Amino acid sequence: MDAVVEWVDARERLPRDRDGWPVAAAITGFYPPDDPQAPGYPPDDPQDTELEFWLVRPMYFTSHHIADDGTEYHDCFVDSDRVVRLPYGRPCDEAVTHWAALPTLPGMTVHGVLGEEARTALRNILGERMPGK
């Protein structure tokens, strides 16, 4: 099974009608390297003490989020550790440059099933009896 990923530039469009939907988010920022032998370190400019990164993280998008410290955010991406990241161009240490909807479950059109529906779906896609309860 193959999945096609359509990356969307976060400066152009956000997943408006998909509040709480899981997405893959490409984020960028800087980090202090733990290893002075890391690729790209030391940077070209000796004044720099950080390296730039660009990577993909699973997150969800929400139009309204209140962080643990009470800060209120609008149109943001939140990861599993509840770290809030904003679309590129807004003030954020680790901004989201692009996002993509996560693929659905194999052979299905949804991202999740629960209970007996999960067991049935797995049995259908794997073609065998599932171990466990």
Protein backbone atom coordinates (compact mmCIF):
# COMPACT_ATOMS: atom_id res chain seq x y z
CA MET A 1 0.00 0.00 0.00
CA ASP A 2 1.29 3.42 -0.91
CA ALA A 3 0.25 6.77 0.52
CA VAL A 4 0.48 10.02 -1.37
CA VAL A 5 1.49 13.02 0.71
CA GLU A 6 0.45 16.49 -0.32
CA TRP A 7 2.51 19.06 1.57
CA VAL A 8 0.74 22.37 2.13
CA ASP A 9 2.70 25.58 2.77
CA ALA A 10 1.53 26.78 6.21
CA ARG A 11 1.89 30.39 5.03
CA GLU A 12 -0.74 29.76 2.36
CA ARG A 13 -3.32 27.50 3.99
CA LEU A 14 -4.07 25.86 7.33
CA PRO A 15 -6.24 22.79 7.96
CA ARG A 16 -9.26 25.00 8.82
CA ASP A 17 -12.07 22.46 8.82
CA ARG A 18 -10.00 19.81 10.56
CA ASP A 19 -9.80 20.93 14.17
CA GLY A 20 -8.03 18.22 16.17
CA TRP A 21 -7.06 16.20 13.09
CA PRO A 22 -3.68 14.53 13.11
CA VAL A 23 -1.17 15.98 10.67
CA ALA A 24 2.46 15.59 9.77
CA ALA A 25 4.13 18.94 10.34
CA ALA A 26 7.49 20.04 8.95
CA ILE A 27 9.07 22.27 11.58
CA THR A 28 12.21 24.36 11.55
CA GLY A 29 14.31 25.98 14.25
CA PHE A 30 17.73 25.94 15.87
CA TYR A 31 19.26 23.72 18.52
CA PRO A 32 22.52 23.70 20.45
CA PRO A 33 24.48 20.62 19.36
CA ASP A 34 25.36 18.10 22.06
CA ASP A 35 28.31 16.89 20.02
CA PRO A 36 30.92 19.32 18.69
CA GLN A 37 31.65 16.68 16.01
CA ALA A 38 28.07 16.90 14.68
CA PRO A 39 27.70 17.47 10.92
CA GLY A 40 27.70 21.18 10.15
CA TYR A 41 29.33 22.09 13.46
CA PRO A 42 31.04 24.38 14.00
CA PRO A 43 28.91 26.69 11.84
CA ASP A 44 30.54 28.91 9.20
CA ASP A 45 30.05 31.90 11.47
CA PRO A 46 32.06 31.40 14.70
CA GLN A 47 29.50 33.56 16.53
CA ASP A 48 26.83 30.92 15.91
CA THR A 49 26.41 28.36 18.67
CA GLU A 50 23.34 26.63 17.23
CA LEU A 51 22.52 24.47 14.23
CA GLU A 52 19.43 24.83 12.09
CA PHE A 53 17.03 21.89 11.68
CA TRP A 54 14.03 20.99 9.53
CA LEU A 55 12.16 17.81 10.40
CA VAL A 56 8.75 16.14 10.37
CA ARG A 57 6.74 15.55 13.55
CA PRO A 58 3.25 14.13 14.10
CA MET A 59 0.94 16.78 15.56
CA TYR A 60 -2.63 17.93 15.49
CA PHE A 61 -3.96 21.27 14.31
CA THR A 62 -6.41 23.31 16.34
CA SER A 63 -8.02 26.71 15.90
CA HIS A 64 -7.96 27.30 19.69
CA HIS A 65 -5.60 25.91 22.34
CA ILE A 66 -4.95 26.88 25.94
CA ALA A 67 -1.49 25.77 27.08
CA ASP A 68 -0.72 24.42 30.55
CA ASP A 69 0.58 27.86 31.57
CA GLY A 70 -2.72 29.49 30.53
CA THR A 71 -1.40 31.01 27.29
CA GLU A 72 -4.10 31.07 24.63
CA TYR A 73 -3.21 30.20 21.04
CA HIS A 74 -5.17 30.37 17.80
CA ASP A 75 -4.48 28.40 14.62
CA CYS A 76 -1.63 26.32 16.00
CA PHE A 77 -0.11 22.86 15.86
CA VAL A 78 0.33 20.82 19.06
CA ASP A 79 2.54 17.75 19.48
CA SER A 80 2.14 14.78 21.83
CA ASP A 81 4.18 16.57 24.51
CA ARG A 82 1.73 19.51 24.28
CA VAL A 83 4.40 21.73 22.71
CA VAL A 84 2.68 24.42 20.65
CA ARG A 85 4.14 25.41 17.30
CA LEU A 86 2.85 28.24 15.14
CA PRO A 87 2.74 28.56 11.36
CA TYR A 88 5.92 29.93 9.77
CA GLY A 89 6.04 33.73 9.87
CA ARG A 90 4.49 34.04 13.33
CA PRO A 91 6.75 34.42 16.37
CA CYS A 92 7.79 30.89 17.34
CA ASP A 93 11.12 29.18 18.11
CA GLU A 94 10.12 26.07 16.13
CA ALA A 95 7.71 27.11 13.38
CA VAL A 96 5.67 24.86 11.09
CA THR A 97 6.65 25.45 7.46
CA HIS A 98 4.39 22.80 5.88
CA TRP A 99 1.73 20.32 6.93
CA ALA A 100 0.13 17.22 5.44
CA ALA A 101 -2.85 15.14 6.42
CA LEU A 102 -1.77 11.78 7.80
CA PRO A 103 -2.76 8.77 5.73
CA THR A 104 -5.77 6.74 6.82
CA LEU A 105 -5.52 3.25 8.26
CA PRO A 106 -4.60 0.57 5.71
CA GLY A 107 -7.62 -0.30 3.60
CA MET A 108 -9.83 2.28 5.33
CA THR A 109 -10.92 5.89 5.00
CA VAL A 110 -10.53 6.78 8.71
CA HIS A 111 -7.63 7.45 11.07
CA GLY A 112 -8.85 5.34 13.97
CA VAL A 113 -11.28 2.61 15.03
CA LEU A 114 -12.01 1.35 18.53
CA GLY A 115 -13.16 -1.80 20.27
CA GLU A 116 -14.52 -4.71 18.26
CA GLU A 117 -14.38 -2.58 15.10
CA ALA A 118 -10.59 -2.44 15.51
CA ARG A 119 -10.32 -6.23 15.83
CA THR A 120 -12.54 -6.75 12.78
CA ALA A 121 -10.61 -4.19 10.72
CA LEU A 122 -7.27 -5.78 11.65
CA ARG A 123 -8.55 -9.25 10.87
CA ASN A 124 -9.83 -8.06 7.49
CA ILE A 125 -6.56 -6.38 6.51
CA LEU A 126 -4.20 -9.04 7.93
CA GLY A 127 -6.34 -11.99 6.86
CA GLU A 128 -5.78 -13.95 10.05
CA ARG A 129 -7.09 -14.45 13.55
CA MET A 130 -5.82 -11.81 15.95
CA PRO A 131 -4.08 -12.91 19.15
CA GLY A 132 -5.29 -11.62 22.49
CA LYS A 133 -8.69 -11.35 24.11
